[in-house]
Amino acid sequence: MEQTEIRKVRASIHQQCGNRVKIQQDLGRNKVDIQEGVIQQAYPSVFTVLIDDEFEQNPPQLLSFTYTDVITKDIRMQLC
């Protein structure tokens, strides 16, 4: 994995802060979790996404992911 790839992903996510995204997270063994949230912050090593279920009674969750997760496709993000 090259540093230039990580820089590109970091810059792309930093530009999308505040935007709503759909996150597909690979949980292993053919299990996938799909959630929608807003990119809150982009830090040097990680970025955070605030998940707020509109239809369920769950409290908001703040999830953090690494840029490596995006590169290795452990998570897939799509703008809503």
Protein backbone atom coordinates (compact mmCIF):
# COMPACT_ATOMS: atom_id res chain seq x y z
CA MET A 1 0.00 0.00 0.00
CA GLU A 2 1.47 3.30 -1.03
CA GLN A 3 1.42 6.55 0.89
CA THR A 4 0.10 8.34 -2.20
CA GLU A 5 -3.02 6.16 -2.17
CA ILE A 6 -3.65 6.97 1.48
CA ARG A 7 -3.14 10.69 0.81
CA LYS A 8 -5.64 10.59 -2.07
CA VAL A 9 -8.27 8.82 0.04
CA ARG A 10 -7.65 11.18 2.99
CA ALA A 11 -8.01 14.25 0.76
CA SER A 12 -11.18 12.89 -0.84
CA ILE A 13 -12.82 12.14 2.51
CA HIS A 14 -11.70 15.48 3.95
CA GLN A 15 -13.51 17.24 1.07
CA GLN A 16 -16.68 15.25 1.81
CA CYS A 17 -16.91 16.23 5.51
CA GLY A 18 -20.49 17.13 6.34
CA ASN A 19 -21.95 15.10 3.47
CA ARG A 20 -24.30 12.15 3.89
CA VAL A 21 -22.89 8.76 2.88
CA LYS A 22 -24.04 5.17 2.72
CA ILE A 23 -21.50 2.79 4.27
CA GLN A 24 -21.37 -0.90 3.43
CA GLN A 25 -19.21 -2.63 6.02
CA ASP A 26 -17.87 -6.14 5.44
CA LEU A 27 -18.28 -8.14 8.66
CA GLY A 28 -16.80 -11.38 7.33
CA ARG A 29 -18.38 -14.71 6.43
CA ASN A 30 -20.62 -13.13 3.81
CA LYS A 31 -22.14 -10.72 6.35
CA VAL A 32 -22.61 -7.09 5.37
CA ASP A 33 -23.89 -4.14 7.41
CA ILE A 34 -25.30 -1.15 5.51
CA GLN A 35 -25.80 2.15 7.33
CA GLU A 36 -26.24 5.81 6.44
CA GLY A 37 -24.55 8.66 8.21
CA VAL A 38 -22.70 11.96 7.95
CA ILE A 39 -18.92 12.26 7.76
CA GLN A 40 -18.06 14.32 10.84
CA GLN A 41 -14.28 14.74 10.96
CA ALA A 42 -11.20 13.64 9.06
CA TYR A 43 -8.12 13.11 11.22
CA PRO A 44 -4.61 12.10 10.10
CA SER A 45 -5.20 8.36 10.65
CA VAL A 46 -8.98 7.95 10.89
CA PHE A 47 -12.28 9.59 9.99
CA THR A 48 -15.55 9.55 11.90
CA VAL A 49 -19.11 9.01 10.69
CA LEU A 50 -22.19 9.86 12.76
CA ILE A 51 -24.88 7.20 12.23
CA ASP A 52 -28.39 8.34 13.13
CA ASP A 53 -31.18 5.82 12.53
CA GLU A 54 -34.22 7.85 11.56
CA PHE A 55 -36.65 4.93 11.66
CA GLU A 56 -35.35 3.10 14.71
CA GLN A 57 -35.22 4.17 18.34
CA ASN A 58 -31.43 3.66 18.60
CA PRO A 59 -29.32 6.58 19.82
CA PRO A 60 -26.83 8.11 17.36
CA GLN A 61 -23.52 6.27 17.02
CA LEU A 62 -20.14 7.75 16.17
CA LEU A 63 -18.11 5.22 14.18
CA SER A 64 -14.48 5.59 13.20
CA PHE A 65 -12.75 4.04 10.21
CA THR A 66 -9.22 4.13 8.88
CA TYR A 67 -8.30 5.18 5.38
CA THR A 68 -6.82 1.72 4.94
CA ASP A 69 -10.34 0.28 5.43
CA VAL A 70 -11.42 2.16 2.31
CA ILE A 71 -8.38 1.08 0.27
CA THR A 72 -8.70 -2.61 1.24
CA LYS A 73 -12.48 -2.42 0.67
CA ASP A 74 -13.39 -3.50 4.21
CA ILE A 75 -15.88 -0.65 3.89
CA ARG A 76 -17.41 0.88 0.78
CA MET A 77 -18.79 4.40 0.81
CA GLN A 78 -21.26 6.05 -1.53
CA LEU A 79 -22.58 9.61 -1.40
CA CYS A 80 -26.33 9.84 -0.82
